C-alpha atoms as a PDB file:
ATOM      1  CA  MET A   1      75.942  96.750 124.863  1.00  0.00           C
ATOM      2  CA  ILE A   2      75.722  99.435 122.173  1.00  0.00           C
ATOM      3  CA  ASP A   3      75.960  97.780 118.778  1.00  0.00           C
ATOM      4  CA  LEU A   4      76.703 100.026 115.777  1.00  0.00           C
ATOM      5  CA  ARG A   5      78.173  97.289 113.585  1.00  0.00           C
ATOM      6  CA  SER A   6      75.102  97.126 111.349  1.00  0.00           C
ATOM      7  CA  ASP A   7      71.353  97.667 111.225  1.00  0.00           C
ATOM      8  CA  THR A   8      71.059  93.875 110.923  1.00  0.00           C
ATOM      9  CA  VAL A   9      71.676  93.437 114.672  1.00  0.00           C
ATOM     10  CA  THR A  10      68.146  94.395 115.780  1.00  0.00           C
ATOM     11  CA  ARG A  11      65.894  92.009 117.704  1.00  0.00           C
ATOM     12  CA  PRO A  12      62.160  91.634 117.022  1.00  0.00           C
ATOM     13  CA  SER A  13      59.987  93.781 119.256  1.00  0.00           C
ATOM     14  CA  LYS A  14      57.312  92.248 121.488  1.00  0.00           C
ATOM     15  CA  GLU A  15      54.665  93.299 118.958  1.00  0.00           C
ATOM     16  CA  MET A  16      56.569  91.753 116.060  1.00  0.00           C
ATOM     17  CA  LEU A  17      57.012  88.494 118.000  1.00  0.00           C
ATOM     18  CA  GLU A  18      53.290  88.406 118.711  1.00  0.00           C
ATOM     19  CA  ALA A  19      52.568  88.795 114.994  1.00  0.00           C
ATOM     20  CA  MET A  20      54.970  85.943 114.239  1.00  0.00           C
ATOM     21  CA  VAL A  21      53.500  83.566 116.820  1.00  0.00           C
ATOM     22  CA  SER A  22      49.941  84.149 115.630  1.00  0.00           C
ATOM     23  CA  ALA A  23      50.718  83.759 111.906  1.00  0.00           C
ATOM     24  CA  ARG A  24      48.760  81.333 109.740  1.00  0.00           C
ATOM     25  CA  VAL A  25      51.153  79.090 107.844  1.00  0.00           C
ATOM     26  CA  GLY A  26      51.263  76.513 105.084  1.00  0.00           C
ATOM     27  CA  ASP A  27      53.923  75.006 102.837  1.00  0.00           C
ATOM     28  CA  ASP A  28      55.570  77.727 100.762  1.00  0.00           C
ATOM     29  CA  VAL A  29      57.162  75.244  98.349  1.00  0.00           C
ATOM     30  CA  PHE A  30      53.591  74.389  97.317  1.00  0.00           C
ATOM     31  CA  HIS A  31      52.887  78.147  97.347  1.00  0.00           C
ATOM     32  CA  ASP A  32      50.121  77.774  99.938  1.00  0.00           C
ATOM     33  CA  ASP A  33      51.490  79.635 102.964  1.00  0.00           C
ATOM     34  CA  PRO A  34      48.864  82.403 103.359  1.00  0.00           C
ATOM     35  CA  THR A  35      51.151  84.747 105.306  1.00  0.00           C
ATOM     36  CA  VAL A  36      53.943  84.496 102.740  1.00  0.00           C
ATOM     37  CA  ILE A  37      51.447  85.173  99.968  1.00  0.00           C
ATOM     38  CA  MET A  38      50.161  88.199 101.898  1.00  0.00           C
ATOM     39  CA  LEU A  39      53.723  89.549 102.302  1.00  0.00           C
ATOM     40  CA  GLU A  40      54.576  89.010  98.639  1.00  0.00           C
ATOM     41  CA  GLU A  41      51.383  90.699  97.465  1.00  0.00           C
ATOM     42  CA  LYS A  42      51.961  93.591  99.858  1.00  0.00           C
ATOM     43  CA  ALA A  43      55.521  94.160  98.635  1.00  0.00           C
ATOM     44  CA  ALA A  44      54.528  93.916  94.974  1.00  0.00           C
ATOM     45  CA  ALA A  45      51.727  96.434  95.514  1.00  0.00           C
ATOM     46  CA  LEU A  46      54.085  98.861  97.269  1.00  0.00           C
ATOM     47  CA  LEU A  47      56.258  98.975  94.159  1.00  0.00           C
ATOM     48  CA  GLY A  48      53.410  98.746  91.672  1.00  0.00           C
ATOM     49  CA  LYS A  49      54.734  95.434  90.362  1.00  0.00           C
ATOM     50  CA  GLU A  50      52.892  92.230  89.492  1.00  0.00           C
ATOM     51  CA  ALA A  51      54.581  89.813  91.891  1.00  0.00           C
ATOM     52  CA  ALA A  52      57.239  89.207  94.532  1.00  0.00           C
ATOM     53  CA  LEU A  53      59.175  86.301  96.027  1.00  0.00           C
ATOM     54  CA  PHE A  54      60.199  85.899  99.687  1.00  0.00           C
ATOM     55  CA  CYS A  55      63.793  84.740 100.197  1.00  0.00           C
ATOM     56  CA  PRO A  56      66.133  84.209 103.170  1.00  0.00           C
ATOM     57  CA  SER A  57      68.592  87.002 102.319  1.00  0.00           C
ATOM     58  CA  GLY A  58      69.377  90.018 100.186  1.00  0.00           C
ATOM     59  CA  THR A  59      72.346  88.185  98.722  1.00  0.00           C
ATOM     60  CA  MET A  60      69.956  85.535  97.426  1.00  0.00           C
ATOM     61  CA  THR A  61      67.513  88.061  95.948  1.00  0.00           C
ATOM     62  CA  ASN A  62      70.326  89.926  94.199  1.00  0.00           C
ATOM     63  CA  GLN A  63      71.820  86.724  92.853  1.00  0.00           C
ATOM     64  CA  ILE A  64      68.463  85.441  91.665  1.00  0.00           C
ATOM     65  CA  ALA A  65      68.051  88.673  89.698  1.00  0.00           C
ATOM     66  CA  VAL A  66      71.476  88.288  88.110  1.00  0.00           C
ATOM     67  CA  ASN A  67      70.750  84.663  87.194  1.00  0.00           C
ATOM     68  CA  VAL A  68      67.360  85.404  85.652  1.00  0.00           C
ATOM     69  CA  HIS A  69      68.514  88.467  83.705  1.00  0.00           C
ATOM     70  CA  THR A  70      71.710  86.985  82.243  1.00  0.00           C
ATOM     71  CA  ARG A  71      73.201  83.986  80.486  1.00  0.00           C
ATOM     72  CA  PRO A  72      76.586  82.419  81.299  1.00  0.00           C
ATOM     73  CA  GLY A  73      79.322  84.523  79.706  1.00  0.00           C
ATOM     74  CA  ASP A  74      77.328  87.772  79.805  1.00  0.00           C
ATOM     75  CA  GLU A  75      78.618  90.903  81.529  1.00  0.00           C
ATOM     76  CA  VAL A  76      77.043  92.919  84.348  1.00  0.00           C
ATOM     77  CA  ILE A  77      77.767  96.636  84.792  1.00  0.00           C
ATOM     78  CA  CYS A  78      77.896  97.891  88.388  1.00  0.00           C
ATOM     79  CA  HIS A  79      79.953 100.083  90.715  1.00  0.00           C
ATOM     80  CA  LYS A  80      83.205  98.553  91.944  1.00  0.00           C
ATOM     81  CA  HIS A  81      81.977  98.822  95.551  1.00  0.00           C
ATOM     82  CA  SER A  82      78.458  97.513  94.951  1.00  0.00           C
ATOM     83  CA  HIS A  83      77.240  94.892  97.412  1.00  0.00           C
ATOM     84  CA  VAL A  84      76.305  92.494  94.621  1.00  0.00           C
ATOM     85  CA  TYR A  85      79.984  92.345  93.630  1.00  0.00           C
ATOM     86  CA  TYR A  86      81.994  93.337  96.711  1.00  0.00           C
ATOM     87  CA  TYR A  87      80.140  91.576  99.548  1.00  0.00           C
ATOM     88  CA  GLU A  88      78.469  88.502  98.067  1.00  0.00           C
ATOM     89  CA  GLY A  89      81.334  86.038  97.920  1.00  0.00           C
ATOM     90  CA  GLY A  90      81.872  86.091  94.158  1.00  0.00           C
ATOM     91  CA  ALA A  91      78.356  84.696  93.717  1.00  0.00           C
ATOM     92  CA  MET A  92      77.721  86.329  90.326  1.00  0.00           C
ATOM     93  CA  MET A  93      80.693  84.547  88.829  1.00  0.00           C
ATOM     94  CA  ARG A  94      80.206  81.342  90.797  1.00  0.00           C
ATOM     95  CA  ASN A  95      76.445  80.871  90.369  1.00  0.00           C
ATOM     96  CA  SER A  96      75.681  82.576  87.050  1.00  0.00           C
ATOM     97  CA  GLY A  97      78.990  82.436  85.164  1.00  0.00           C
ATOM     98  CA  VAL A  98      78.974  86.130  84.315  1.00  0.00           C
ATOM     99  CA  SER A  99      81.798  88.627  84.092  1.00  0.00           C
ATOM    100  CA  VAL A 100      81.628  92.071  85.653  1.00  0.00           C
ATOM    101  CA  CYS A 101      82.393  95.562  84.364  1.00  0.00           C
ATOM    102  CA  LEU A 102      83.252  97.658  87.406  1.00  0.00           C
ATOM    103  CA  LEU A 103      82.693 101.410  87.237  1.00  0.00           C
ATOM    104  CA  GLU A 104      84.101 104.211  89.377  1.00  0.00           C
ATOM    105  CA  GLY A 105      81.903 106.892  90.892  1.00  0.00           C
ATOM    106  CA  GLU A 106      81.776 109.194  93.890  1.00  0.00           C
ATOM    107  CA  HIS A 107      80.086 107.761  96.998  1.00  0.00           C
ATOM    108  CA  GLY A 108      79.510 104.450  95.244  1.00  0.00           C
ATOM    109  CA  GLN A 109      77.252 105.796  92.507  1.00  0.00           C
ATOM    110  CA  ILE A 110      77.425 105.401  88.733  1.00  0.00           C
ATOM    111  CA  ASN A 111      75.921 107.544  85.959  1.00  0.00           C
ATOM    112  CA  ALA A 112      74.336 107.098  82.545  1.00  0.00           C
ATOM    113  CA  GLU A 113      77.318 108.426  80.608  1.00  0.00           C
ATOM    114  CA  ASP A 114      79.694 105.881  82.121  1.00  0.00           C
ATOM    115  CA  VAL A 115      77.207 103.057  81.662  1.00  0.00           C
ATOM    116  CA  LYS A 116      76.766 103.913  77.992  1.00  0.00           C
ATOM    117  CA  ALA A 117      80.533 104.099  77.479  1.00  0.00           C
ATOM    118  CA  HIS A 118      81.022 100.590  78.876  1.00  0.00           C
ATOM    119  CA  ILE A 119      78.390  98.669  76.905  1.00  0.00           C
ATOM    120  CA  ASN A 120      80.209  96.175  74.732  1.00  0.00           C
ATOM    121  CA  PRO A 121      79.422  96.226  70.982  1.00  0.00           C
ATOM    122  CA  GLU A 122      77.050  93.369  70.237  1.00  0.00           C
ATOM    123  CA  ALA A 123      78.928  92.435  67.068  1.00  0.00           C
ATOM    124  CA  ASP A 124      82.298  92.118  68.819  1.00  0.00           C
ATOM    125  CA  ILE A 125      82.696  88.396  69.434  1.00  0.00           C
ATOM    126  CA  HIS A 126      85.856  88.988  71.481  1.00  0.00           C
ATOM    127  CA  ARG A 127      83.987  90.645  74.332  1.00  0.00           C
ATOM    128  CA  PRO A 128      81.152  89.455  76.587  1.00  0.00           C
ATOM    129  CA  VAL A 129      77.571  90.469  75.890  1.00  0.00           C
ATOM    130  CA  THR A 130      76.464  93.284  78.183  1.00  0.00           C
ATOM    131  CA  SER A 131      73.046  92.287  79.501  1.00  0.00           C
ATOM    132  CA  LEU A 132      72.432  93.847  82.931  1.00  0.00           C
ATOM    133  CA  VAL A 133      73.036  97.097  84.816  1.00  0.00           C
ATOM    134  CA  GLU A 134      72.852  97.046  88.631  1.00  0.00           C
ATOM    135  CA  VAL A 135      72.662  99.965  91.062  1.00  0.00           C
ATOM    136  CA  GLU A 136      72.435 100.072  94.868  1.00  0.00           C
ATOM    137  CA  ASN A 137      70.283 102.600  96.751  1.00  0.00           C
ATOM    138  CA  THR A 138      71.171 103.488  99.436  1.00  0.00           C
ATOM    139  CA  MET A 139      74.814 102.704  98.737  1.00  0.00           C
ATOM    140  CA  ASN A 140      76.432 100.916 101.682  1.00  0.00           C
ATOM    141  CA  LYS A 141      80.111 101.631 100.970  1.00  0.00           C
ATOM    142  CA  GLY A 142      79.132 105.094  99.779  1.00  0.00           C
ATOM    143  CA  GLY A 143      78.178 105.986 103.345  1.00  0.00           C
ATOM    144  CA  GLY A 144      74.477 105.306 102.848  1.00  0.00           C
ATOM    145  CA  SER A 145      74.385 107.726  99.921  1.00  0.00           C
ATOM    146  CA  VAL A 146      71.105 108.297  98.076  1.00  0.00           C
ATOM    147  CA  TYR A 147      70.856 108.421  94.284  1.00  0.00           C
ATOM    148  CA  LYS A 148      69.109 111.372  92.694  1.00  0.00           C
ATOM    149  CA  PHE A 149      66.102 109.964  90.891  1.00  0.00           C
ATOM    150  CA  ASP A 150      67.027 111.855  87.733  1.00  0.00           C
ATOM    151  CA  THR A 151      70.306 109.907  87.602  1.00  0.00           C
ATOM    152  CA  LEU A 152      68.456 106.596  87.904  1.00  0.00           C
ATOM    153  CA  GLU A 153      66.044 107.661  85.156  1.00  0.00           C
ATOM    154  CA  GLU A 154      68.945 108.541  82.861  1.00  0.00           C
ATOM    155  CA  ILE A 155      70.520 105.122  83.414  1.00  0.00           C
ATOM    156  CA  ALA A 156      67.123 103.516  82.735  1.00  0.00           C
ATOM    157  CA  GLY A 157      67.013 105.339  79.408  1.00  0.00           C
ATOM    158  CA  VAL A 158      70.405 103.925  78.430  1.00  0.00           C
ATOM    159  CA  CYS A 159      69.213 100.449  79.407  1.00  0.00           C
ATOM    160  CA  ARG A 160      66.076 100.730  77.285  1.00  0.00           C
ATOM    161  CA  GLU A 161      67.992 102.072  74.280  1.00  0.00           C
ATOM    162  CA  ASN A 162      70.401  99.154  74.464  1.00  0.00           C
ATOM    163  CA  LYS A 163      67.929  96.434  75.493  1.00  0.00           C
ATOM    164  CA  LEU A 164      69.609  95.858  78.857  1.00  0.00           C
ATOM    165  CA  LYS A 165      67.910  94.698  82.034  1.00  0.00           C
ATOM    166  CA  TYR A 166      68.030  97.034  85.044  1.00  0.00           C
ATOM    167  CA  HIS A 167      68.173  95.758  88.647  1.00  0.00           C
ATOM    168  CA  LEU A 168      67.986  97.725  91.888  1.00  0.00           C
ATOM    169  CA  ASP A 169      69.632  96.427  95.028  1.00  0.00           C
ATOM    170  CA  GLY A 170      67.218  98.286  97.298  1.00  0.00           C
ATOM    171  CA  ALA A 171      68.280  96.593 100.515  1.00  0.00           C
ATOM    172  CA  ARG A 172      67.884 100.000 102.178  1.00  0.00           C
ATOM    173  CA  LEU A 173      65.507 101.534  99.637  1.00  0.00           C
ATOM    174  CA  PHE A 174      63.103 102.718 102.334  1.00  0.00           C
ATOM    175  CA  ASN A 175      65.947 104.648 103.977  1.00  0.00           C
ATOM    176  CA  ALA A 176      66.364 106.481 100.688  1.00  0.00           C
ATOM    177  CA  LEU A 177      62.627 107.129 100.378  1.00  0.00           C
ATOM    178  CA  ALA A 178      62.491 108.467 103.934  1.00  0.00           C
ATOM    179  CA  GLU A 179      64.899 111.213 102.849  1.00  0.00           C
ATOM    180  CA  THR A 180      63.620 112.016  99.363  1.00  0.00           C
ATOM    181  CA  GLY A 181      59.877 111.661  99.923  1.00  0.00           C
ATOM    182  CA  GLU A 182      59.577 109.656  96.714  1.00  0.00           C
ATOM    183  CA  THR A 183      57.329 106.604  96.514  1.00  0.00           C
ATOM    184  CA  ALA A 184      58.350 102.982  96.166  1.00  0.00           C
ATOM    185  CA  GLU A 185      55.973 102.718  93.205  1.00  0.00           C
ATOM    186  CA  LYS A 186      58.020 105.318  91.351  1.00  0.00           C
ATOM    187  CA  TYR A 187      61.017 103.002  91.643  1.00  0.00           C
ATOM    188  CA  GLY A 188      58.991  99.996  90.613  1.00  0.00           C
ATOM    189  CA  LYS A 189      58.186 101.618  87.281  1.00  0.00           C
ATOM    190  CA  LEU A 190      61.859 102.239  86.569  1.00  0.00           C
ATOM    191  CA  PHE A 191      63.454  98.838  87.212  1.00  0.00           C
ATOM    192  CA  ASP A 192      62.961  95.353  85.799  1.00  0.00           C
ATOM    193  CA  SER A 193      63.591  93.923  89.265  1.00  0.00           C
ATOM    194  CA  VAL A 194      63.986  95.315  92.775  1.00  0.00           C
ATOM    195  CA  SER A 195      65.392  93.647  95.883  1.00  0.00           C
ATOM    196  CA  ILE A 196      64.327  94.955  99.291  1.00  0.00           C
ATOM    197  CA  CYS A 197      65.609  93.780 102.679  1.00  0.00           C
ATOM    198  CA  LEU A 198      63.380  93.349 105.714  1.00  0.00           C
ATOM    199  CA  SER A 199      66.132  92.590 108.237  1.00  0.00           C
ATOM    200  CA  LYS A 200      68.083  95.856 108.065  1.00  0.00           C
ATOM    201  CA  GLY A 201      66.454  99.182 108.937  1.00  0.00           C
ATOM    202  CA  LEU A 202      62.997  97.625 109.008  1.00  0.00           C
ATOM    203  CA  GLY A 203      63.973  95.379 111.913  1.00  0.00           C
ATOM    204  CA  ALA A 204      62.719  91.922 110.883  1.00  0.00           C
ATOM    205  CA  PRO A 205      64.877  88.974 112.004  1.00  0.00           C
ATOM    206  CA  ILE A 206      65.343  87.573 108.505  1.00  0.00           C
ATOM    207  CA  GLY A 207      64.228  87.912 104.934  1.00  0.00           C
ATOM    208  CA  SER A 208      64.338  89.837 101.666  1.00  0.00           C
ATOM    209  CA  LEU A 209      62.017  90.110  98.680  1.00  0.00           C
ATOM    210  CA  ILE A 210      62.707  90.130  94.964  1.00  0.00           C
ATOM    211  CA  ILE A 211      60.016  91.997  93.042  1.00  0.00           C
ATOM    212  CA  GLY A 212      59.180  92.106  89.332  1.00  0.00           C
ATOM    213  CA  ASP A 213      56.625  91.053  86.740  1.00  0.00           C
ATOM    214  CA  LYS A 214      54.941  87.635  86.796  1.00  0.00           C
ATOM    215  CA  THR A 215      57.235  86.101  84.197  1.00  0.00           C
ATOM    216  CA  PHE A 216      60.335  87.246  86.065  1.00  0.00           C
ATOM    217  CA  ILE A 217      59.054  85.935  89.419  1.00  0.00           C
ATOM    218  CA  ARG A 218      58.072  82.581  87.891  1.00  0.00           C
ATOM    219  CA  ARG A 219      61.661  82.179  86.719  1.00  0.00           C
ATOM    220  CA  ALA A 220      62.955  83.538  90.019  1.00  0.00           C
ATOM    221  CA  ARG A 221      61.028  80.868  91.935  1.00  0.00           C
ATOM    222  CA  ARG A 222      62.818  78.164  89.947  1.00  0.00           C
ATOM    223  CA  VAL A 223      66.221  79.778  90.591  1.00  0.00           C
ATOM    224  CA  ARG A 224      65.447  80.140  94.314  1.00  0.00           C
ATOM    225  CA  LYS A 225      64.806  76.383  94.409  1.00  0.00           C
ATOM    226  CA  ALA A 226      68.101  75.675  92.622  1.00  0.00           C
ATOM    227  CA  PHE A 227      69.962  77.970  95.049  1.00  0.00           C
ATOM    228  CA  GLY A 228      68.516  76.065  98.025  1.00  0.00           C
ATOM    229  CA  GLY A 229      66.219  78.883  99.092  1.00  0.00           C
ATOM    230  CA  ALA A 230      62.827  77.132  98.956  1.00  0.00           C
ATOM    231  CA  MET A 231      61.232  77.141 102.422  1.00  0.00           C
ATOM    232  CA  ARG A 232      58.296  75.444 104.122  1.00  0.00           C
ATOM    233  CA  GLN A 233      56.222  76.932 107.005  1.00  0.00           C
ATOM    234  CA  VAL A 234      57.970  80.261 106.620  1.00  0.00           C
ATOM    235  CA  GLY A 235      54.887  82.346 107.297  1.00  0.00           C
ATOM    236  CA  TYR A 236      56.158  82.848 110.855  1.00  0.00           C
ATOM    237  CA  LEU A 237      59.022  84.856 109.364  1.00  0.00           C
ATOM    238  CA  ALA A 238      56.876  86.491 106.700  1.00  0.00           C
ATOM    239  CA  ALA A 239      54.653  87.835 109.499  1.00  0.00           C
ATOM    240  CA  ALA A 240      57.653  89.732 110.844  1.00  0.00           C
ATOM    241  CA  GLY A 241      58.158  91.219 107.386  1.00  0.00           C
ATOM    242  CA  ILE A 242      54.530  92.343 107.199  1.00  0.00           C
ATOM    243  CA  TYR A 243      54.826  93.956 110.615  1.00  0.00           C
ATOM    244  CA  ALA A 244      58.045  95.690 109.534  1.00  0.00           C
ATOM    245  CA  LEU A 245      56.461  97.149 106.395  1.00  0.00           C
ATOM    246  CA  ASP A 246      53.399  98.293 108.344  1.00  0.00           C
ATOM    247  CA  HIS A 247      55.157  99.867 111.338  1.00  0.00           C
ATOM    248  CA  ASN A 248      58.881 100.466 110.822  1.00  0.00           C
ATOM    249  CA  ILE A 249      59.167 102.507 107.632  1.00  0.00           C
ATOM    250  CA  ILE A 250      57.907 105.793 109.050  1.00  0.00           C
ATOM    251  CA  ARG A 251      60.477 105.833 111.884  1.00  0.00           C
ATOM    252  CA  LEU A 252      63.601 105.454 109.686  1.00  0.00           C
ATOM    253  CA  LYS A 253      64.350 109.180 109.788  1.00  0.00           C
ATOM    254  CA  GLU A 254      65.011 108.818 113.527  1.00  0.00           C
ATOM    255  CA  ASP A 255      67.973 106.590 112.663  1.00  0.00           C
ATOM    256  CA  HIS A 256      69.190 109.124 110.101  1.00  0.00           C
ATOM    257  CA  ASP A 257      69.004 111.980 112.599  1.00  0.00           C
ATOM    258  CA  LYS A 258      71.051 110.015 115.133  1.00  0.00           C
ATOM    259  CA  ALA A 259      73.707 109.170 112.533  1.00  0.00           C
ATOM    260  CA  ARG A 260      73.984 112.817 111.474  1.00  0.00           C
ATOM    261  CA  HIS A 261      74.321 113.870 115.112  1.00  0.00           C
ATOM    262  CA  ILE A 262      77.239 111.479 115.590  1.00  0.00           C
ATOM    263  CA  GLY A 263      78.718 112.752 112.334  1.00  0.00           C
ATOM    264  CA  LYS A 264      78.768 116.323 113.659  1.00  0.00           C
ATOM    265  CA  VAL A 265      80.465 115.123 116.843  1.00  0.00           C
ATOM    266  CA  LEU A 266      83.108 113.291 114.839  1.00  0.00           C
ATOM    267  CA  GLU A 267      83.801 116.335 112.666  1.00  0.00           C
ATOM    268  CA  SER A 268      84.740 118.263 115.810  1.00  0.00           C
ATOM    269  CA  LEU A 269      87.248 115.711 117.091  1.00  0.00           C
ATOM    270  CA  PRO A 270      90.985 116.153 116.445  1.00  0.00           C
ATOM    271  CA  TYR A 271      91.658 112.442 115.850  1.00  0.00           C
ATOM    272  CA  VAL A 272      89.142 112.231 112.971  1.00  0.00           C
ATOM    273  CA  GLU A 273      90.578 113.116 109.558  1.00  0.00           C
ATOM    274  CA  ASN A 274      87.294 113.291 107.651  1.00  0.00           C
ATOM    275  CA  VAL A 275      83.673 112.151 107.721  1.00  0.00           C
ATOM    276  CA  MET A 276      81.840 111.000 104.607  1.00  0.00           C
ATOM    277  CA  PRO A 277      78.615 112.961 103.980  1.00  0.00           C
ATOM    278  CA  CYS A 278      75.873 111.301 106.043  1.00  0.00           C
ATOM    279  CA  GLU A 279      72.534 111.114 104.227  1.00  0.00           C
ATOM    280  CA  THR A 280      70.881 108.172 105.965  1.00  0.00           C
ATOM    281  CA  ASN A 281      71.826 105.747 108.759  1.00  0.00           C
ATOM    282  CA  ILE A 282      75.357 104.798 107.682  1.00  0.00           C
ATOM    283  CA  LEU A 283      78.289 106.845 108.891  1.00  0.00           C
ATOM    284  CA  ILE A 284      81.791 106.244 107.502  1.00  0.00           C
ATOM    285  CA  PHE A 285      84.813 108.178 108.719  1.00  0.00           C
ATOM    286  CA  ARG A 286      88.600 108.152 108.480  1.00  0.00           C
ATOM    287  CA  LEU A 287      90.845 108.375 111.530  1.00  0.00           C
ATOM    288  CA  GLY A 288      93.990 110.480 111.682  1.00  0.00           C
ATOM    289  CA  GLY A 289      97.344 109.358 113.054  1.00  0.00           C
ATOM    290  CA  LYS A 290      96.456 109.103 116.751  1.00  0.00           C
ATOM    291  CA  TYR A 291      94.583 105.798 116.411  1.00  0.00           C
ATOM    292  CA  SER A 292      94.601 102.888 114.019  1.00  0.00           C
ATOM    293  CA  GLU A 293      91.138 101.532 113.309  1.00  0.00           C
ATOM    294  CA  LYS A 294      91.958  98.522 115.530  1.00  0.00           C
ATOM    295  CA  ASP A 295      93.063 100.701 118.452  1.00  0.00           C
ATOM    296  CA  PHE A 296      90.038 102.984 118.086  1.00  0.00           C
ATOM    297  CA  LEU A 297      87.560 100.099 118.034  1.00  0.00           C
ATOM    298  CA  ALA A 298      89.303  98.467 120.997  1.00  0.00           C
ATOM    299  CA  ARG A 299      88.945 101.690 123.018  1.00  0.00           C
ATOM    300  CA  LEU A 300      85.239 101.843 122.177  1.00  0.00           C
ATOM    301  CA  LYS A 301      84.809  98.172 123.057  1.00  0.00           C
ATOM    302  CA  GLU A 302      86.164  98.902 126.540  1.00  0.00           C
ATOM    303  CA  GLN A 303      83.010 101.019 126.966  1.00  0.00           C
ATOM    304  CA  ASP A 304      80.836  98.262 125.443  1.00  0.00           C
ATOM    305  CA  ILE A 305      80.387 100.136 122.150  1.00  0.00           C
ATOM    306  CA  HIS A 306      80.868  97.996 119.043  1.00  0.00           C
ATOM    307  CA  ALA A 307      81.472  99.096 115.440  1.00  0.00           C
ATOM    308  CA  MET A 308      83.014  97.838 112.202  1.00  0.00           C
ATOM    309  CA  PRO A 309      86.349  98.523 110.510  1.00  0.00           C
ATOM    310  CA  LEU A 310      85.938  99.273 106.804  1.00  0.00           C
ATOM    311  CA  GLY A 311      89.584  99.433 105.789  1.00  0.00           C
ATOM    312  CA  LYS A 312      92.846 101.003 106.913  1.00  0.00           C
ATOM    313  CA  GLN A 313      91.977 103.906 109.270  1.00  0.00           C
ATOM    314  CA  VAL A 314      88.304 103.687 108.216  1.00  0.00           C
ATOM    315  CA  VAL A 315      85.382 102.905 110.544  1.00  0.00           C
ATOM    316  CA  ARG A 316      81.636 102.503 109.983  1.00  0.00           C
ATOM    317  CA  PHE A 317      78.764 103.209 112.379  1.00  0.00           C
ATOM    318  CA  VAL A 318      75.210 102.152 111.479  1.00  0.00           C
ATOM    319  CA  THR A 319      72.239 103.397 113.497  1.00  0.00           C
ATOM    320  CA  HIS A 320      69.024 101.382 113.827  1.00  0.00           C
ATOM    321  CA  LEU A 321      65.777 101.009 115.766  1.00  0.00           C
ATOM    322  CA  ASP A 322      67.472  99.386 118.771  1.00  0.00           C
ATOM    323  CA  PHE A 323      69.882 102.341 119.112  1.00  0.00           C
ATOM    324  CA  THR A 324      68.192 104.574 121.671  1.00  0.00           C
ATOM    325  CA  ASP A 325      68.542 108.224 122.648  1.00  0.00           C
ATOM    326  CA  SER A 326      70.375 107.265 125.833  1.00  0.00           C
ATOM    327  CA  MET A 327      72.803 105.171 123.802  1.00  0.00           C
ATOM    328  CA  LEU A 328      73.405 108.158 121.532  1.00  0.00           C
ATOM    329  CA  ILE A 329      74.411 110.244 124.552  1.00  0.00           C
ATOM    330  CA  LYS A 330      76.778 107.522 125.740  1.00  0.00           C
ATOM    331  CA  VAL A 331      78.415 107.246 122.294  1.00  0.00           C
ATOM    332  CA  GLU A 332      78.903 111.018 122.135  1.00  0.00           C
ATOM    333  CA  GLU A 333      80.511 111.008 125.589  1.00  0.00           C
ATOM    334  CA  ALA A 334      82.761 108.083 124.671  1.00  0.00           C
ATOM    335  CA  LEU A 335      83.954 109.685 121.442  1.00  0.00           C
ATOM    336  CA  LYS A 336      84.762 112.944 123.197  1.00  0.00           C
ATOM    337  CA  SER A 337      86.667 111.121 125.945  1.00  0.00           C
ATOM    338  CA  LEU A 338      89.174 109.443 123.608  1.00  0.00           C
END
């Protein structure tokens, strides 16, 4: 089976499983699981932050950030296709009672000018209080697009001028860093909170981290408990996260190269209308009239190749560490045979 549905489909390697089995554990609710503590300290140090908190999912880390940074009735500014709004089950509204100001922007990205234009006047009692700006890097529905750091700095300036909190959904932040050569610490200085995912390109079976200063993480720990995310002997899973951070960051460009190769193949095919620019490991393309997305995916499935529809005539491929060179050849052959 060749699975291009997501980079979340990877299985732990033998070496990662060995690290998990040999982990020292305790009770994380009492904050005495040594492997969890090691992972949290490692992640915080990577971003130059004071502390971190291990959670089951990126949805939880994003929603913890929203809950800590806002009050019920506040408004959050983000792109209309951002994961925190589009793919998290209405959790911002459901769990934190906030409203959302949705911005447009090419490839899922927003800019400082638009953010500034959509901050509600504090004195206007008819409108919600703007309290948080959220960006996603890389941007999933933007085809894995990578923000220019200058753009993020400009948005940070607007946030500081207007006393707004600034959160990064960095589920695939290390994919972005693999392309730009920037450091995670550079991002840590810019944002009030950062979420990173261990179970996407980094290949761990589960887990995300929310990272910030000590005061933020103390409040985040309370919210995690309220959201049902407190865990016990979770060091077995934290060990996988440590292994992922130690061994699987440097190889991310391999996934990007494979995605770009498939993108070039797709651009040459008559049944493909267009291919979104491919910067990292996510490849989004639109089919022409020959196939509907359902027909196209069914034809691929006949050859045991699996992918995701992303809308009418739109399909997404995501490369990952379990997608091998031989699988790449098979996908190329299958696409050309249709």
